[in-house]
Amino acid sequence: MDKYKHMSSEDRFSIEAGLNNGQKFKEIGEALGKDCTTISKEVRSHLVYKKTGAYGRPFNDCAKRRSCQLSAVCDSCPQTRQRFRFCSVCSRCVDHCIMYEKEGVS
């Protein structure tokens, strides 16, 4: 196996195809002539995280979202639903709310 070589774009496409087919890192590495740890490191270094919320809800990372009772903080929410919709279930209100605190930041 080749050591200290860069991965080509063809190798990356092969890795993606292997992952989509449910192959393990070891199987992909054997097909490409690379070590399985190299494949693992390549995948980890190019991961893209998608911010998603709970089922049926948008992403909201406010530390106070579970106890928040604020509504109508932003202009994005329709006027008819503002008094019934809390900011804790809105993804846009975090940009306008003065009470917003990012979760996990001390």
C-alpha atoms as a PDB file:
ATOM      1  CA  MET A   1       0.000   0.000   0.000  1.00  0.00           C
ATOM      2  CA  ASP A   2       1.184   3.465  -0.864  1.00  0.00           C
ATOM      3  CA  LYS A   3       2.078   5.646   2.089  1.00  0.00           C
ATOM      4  CA  TYR A   4       2.033   9.422   2.342  1.00  0.00           C
ATOM      5  CA  LYS A   5       0.154   9.983  -0.901  1.00  0.00           C
ATOM      6  CA  HIS A   6      -2.628  12.481  -1.404  1.00  0.00           C
ATOM      7  CA  MET A   7      -6.068  11.265  -2.312  1.00  0.00           C
ATOM      8  CA  SER A   8      -7.196  12.068  -5.829  1.00  0.00           C
ATOM      9  CA  SER A   9     -10.704  13.206  -6.658  1.00  0.00           C
ATOM     10  CA  GLU A  10     -11.308   9.795  -8.259  1.00  0.00           C
ATOM     11  CA  ASP A  11     -10.371   8.142  -4.960  1.00  0.00           C
ATOM     12  CA  ARG A  12     -12.802  10.409  -3.122  1.00  0.00           C
ATOM     13  CA  PHE A  13     -15.597   9.532  -5.552  1.00  0.00           C
ATOM     14  CA  SER A  14     -14.812   5.845  -4.994  1.00  0.00           C
ATOM     15  CA  ILE A  15     -14.992   6.365  -1.229  1.00  0.00           C
ATOM     16  CA  GLU A  16     -18.341   8.124  -1.571  1.00  0.00           C
ATOM     17  CA  ALA A  17     -19.703   5.354  -3.794  1.00  0.00           C
ATOM     18  CA  GLY A  18     -18.489   2.711  -1.346  1.00  0.00           C
ATOM     19  CA  LEU A  19     -20.115   4.475   1.605  1.00  0.00           C
ATOM     20  CA  ASN A  20     -23.372   4.823  -0.332  1.00  0.00           C
ATOM     21  CA  ASN A  21     -23.242   1.073  -1.028  1.00  0.00           C
ATOM     22  CA  GLY A  22     -22.764   0.318   2.673  1.00  0.00           C
ATOM     23  CA  GLN A  23     -19.169  -0.857   2.410  1.00  0.00           C
ATOM     24  CA  LYS A  24     -16.845  -0.715   5.396  1.00  0.00           C
ATOM     25  CA  PHE A  25     -13.675   1.376   5.474  1.00  0.00           C
ATOM     26  CA  LYS A  26     -11.581  -1.780   5.222  1.00  0.00           C
ATOM     27  CA  GLU A  27     -13.365  -2.922   2.054  1.00  0.00           C
ATOM     28  CA  ILE A  28     -13.020   0.523   0.460  1.00  0.00           C
ATOM     29  CA  GLY A  29      -9.344   0.689   1.450  1.00  0.00           C
ATOM     30  CA  GLU A  30      -8.598  -2.700  -0.082  1.00  0.00           C
ATOM     31  CA  ALA A  31     -10.267  -1.646  -3.339  1.00  0.00           C
ATOM     32  CA  LEU A  32      -8.212   1.561  -3.485  1.00  0.00           C
ATOM     33  CA  GLY A  33      -4.963   0.112  -2.167  1.00  0.00           C
ATOM     34  CA  LYS A  34      -5.049   2.322   0.936  1.00  0.00           C
ATOM     35  CA  ASP A  35      -5.176   1.584   4.639  1.00  0.00           C
ATOM     36  CA  CYS A  36      -8.598   1.657   6.313  1.00  0.00           C
ATOM     37  CA  THR A  37      -7.418   4.361   8.729  1.00  0.00           C
ATOM     38  CA  THR A  38      -6.560   6.566   5.752  1.00  0.00           C
ATOM     39  CA  ILE A  39     -10.111   6.145   4.465  1.00  0.00           C
ATOM     40  CA  SER A  40     -11.493   6.902   7.916  1.00  0.00           C
ATOM     41  CA  LYS A  41      -9.397  10.062   8.264  1.00  0.00           C
ATOM     42  CA  GLU A  42     -10.412  11.209   4.787  1.00  0.00           C
ATOM     43  CA  VAL A  43     -14.091  10.769   5.604  1.00  0.00           C
ATOM     44  CA  ARG A  44     -13.784  12.540   8.969  1.00  0.00           C
ATOM     45  CA  SER A  45     -11.885  15.478   7.472  1.00  0.00           C
ATOM     46  CA  HIS A  46     -14.585  16.072   4.842  1.00  0.00           C
ATOM     47  CA  LEU A  47     -17.732  15.591   6.923  1.00  0.00           C
ATOM     48  CA  VAL A  48     -20.485  18.148   6.475  1.00  0.00           C
ATOM     49  CA  TYR A  49     -22.916  18.599   9.337  1.00  0.00           C
ATOM     50  CA  LYS A  50     -26.453  19.618   8.635  1.00  0.00           C
ATOM     51  CA  LYS A  51     -28.248  21.524  11.351  1.00  0.00           C
ATOM     52  CA  THR A  52     -31.601  19.862  11.915  1.00  0.00           C
ATOM     53  CA  GLY A  53     -34.178  20.175  14.629  1.00  0.00           C
ATOM     54  CA  ALA A  54     -36.500  17.674  16.219  1.00  0.00           C
ATOM     55  CA  TYR A  55     -39.068  15.953  14.019  1.00  0.00           C
ATOM     56  CA  GLY A  56     -41.288  18.606  12.451  1.00  0.00           C
ATOM     57  CA  ARG A  57     -39.353  21.521  13.959  1.00  0.00           C
ATOM     58  CA  PRO A  58     -36.571  23.762  12.659  1.00  0.00           C
ATOM     59  CA  PHE A  59     -33.085  23.920  14.172  1.00  0.00           C
ATOM     60  CA  ASN A  60     -32.899  26.089  17.299  1.00  0.00           C
ATOM     61  CA  ASP A  61     -29.783  25.996  19.507  1.00  0.00           C
ATOM     62  CA  CYS A  62     -30.872  28.453  22.190  1.00  0.00           C
ATOM     63  CA  ALA A  63     -30.058  27.202  25.694  1.00  0.00           C
ATOM     64  CA  LYS A  64     -33.371  28.589  26.977  1.00  0.00           C
ATOM     65  CA  ARG A  65     -35.629  27.154  24.257  1.00  0.00           C
ATOM     66  CA  ARG A  66     -37.313  24.568  26.511  1.00  0.00           C
ATOM     67  CA  SER A  67     -38.561  27.117  29.044  1.00  0.00           C
ATOM     68  CA  CYS A  68     -38.955  30.133  26.741  1.00  0.00           C
ATOM     69  CA  GLN A  69     -42.409  31.724  26.650  1.00  0.00           C
ATOM     70  CA  LEU A  70     -41.557  34.620  24.311  1.00  0.00           C
ATOM     71  CA  SER A  71     -43.450  35.147  21.083  1.00  0.00           C
ATOM     72  CA  ALA A  72     -43.533  37.780  18.326  1.00  0.00           C
ATOM     73  CA  VAL A  73     -39.834  38.654  18.694  1.00  0.00           C
ATOM     74  CA  CYS A  74     -39.150  38.729  14.971  1.00  0.00           C
ATOM     75  CA  ASP A  75     -41.026  39.989  11.921  1.00  0.00           C
ATOM     76  CA  SER A  76     -40.610  36.650  10.137  1.00  0.00           C
ATOM     77  CA  CYS A  77     -43.566  34.963  11.817  1.00  0.00           C
ATOM     78  CA  PRO A  78     -47.008  35.677  10.327  1.00  0.00           C
ATOM     79  CA  GLN A  79     -49.051  38.190  12.338  1.00  0.00           C
ATOM     80  CA  THR A  80     -51.953  35.777  12.763  1.00  0.00           C
ATOM     81  CA  ARG A  81     -49.800  33.086  14.380  1.00  0.00           C
ATOM     82  CA  GLN A  82     -47.446  35.238  16.469  1.00  0.00           C
ATOM     83  CA  ARG A  83     -49.347  35.050  19.728  1.00  0.00           C
ATOM     84  CA  PHE A  84     -49.763  31.259  19.447  1.00  0.00           C
ATOM     85  CA  ARG A  85     -46.244  30.459  18.256  1.00  0.00           C
ATOM     86  CA  PHE A  86     -43.410  30.599  20.751  1.00  0.00           C
ATOM     87  CA  CYS A  87     -39.925  31.585  19.639  1.00  0.00           C
ATOM     88  CA  SER A  88     -38.646  28.242  20.912  1.00  0.00           C
ATOM     89  CA  VAL A  89     -40.085  26.571  17.790  1.00  0.00           C
ATOM     90  CA  CYS A  90     -38.816  29.195  15.340  1.00  0.00           C
ATOM     91  CA  SER A  91     -35.389  29.132  13.731  1.00  0.00           C
ATOM     92  CA  ARG A  92     -35.377  32.812  12.765  1.00  0.00           C
ATOM     93  CA  CYS A  93     -36.186  34.322  16.149  1.00  0.00           C
ATOM     94  CA  VAL A  94     -32.742  33.502  17.543  1.00  0.00           C
ATOM     95  CA  ASP A  95     -31.317  36.231  15.308  1.00  0.00           C
ATOM     96  CA  HIS A  96     -33.580  38.869  16.885  1.00  0.00           C
ATOM     97  CA  CYS A  97     -34.054  37.716  20.485  1.00  0.00           C
ATOM     98  CA  ILE A  98     -32.136  39.565  23.221  1.00  0.00           C
ATOM     99  CA  MET A  99     -32.470  36.524  25.530  1.00  0.00           C
ATOM    100  CA  TYR A 100     -30.694  34.170  23.089  1.00  0.00           C
ATOM    101  CA  GLU A 101     -27.778  32.135  24.478  1.00  0.00           C
ATOM    102  CA  LYS A 102     -26.029  29.552  22.336  1.00  0.00           C
ATOM    103  CA  GLU A 103     -26.305  26.105  23.884  1.00  0.00           C
ATOM    104  CA  GLY A 104     -23.088  24.598  25.174  1.00  0.00           C
ATOM    105  CA  VAL A 105     -21.204  27.908  25.474  1.00  0.00           C
ATOM    106  CA  SER A 106     -20.101  28.770  28.996  1.00  0.00           C
END
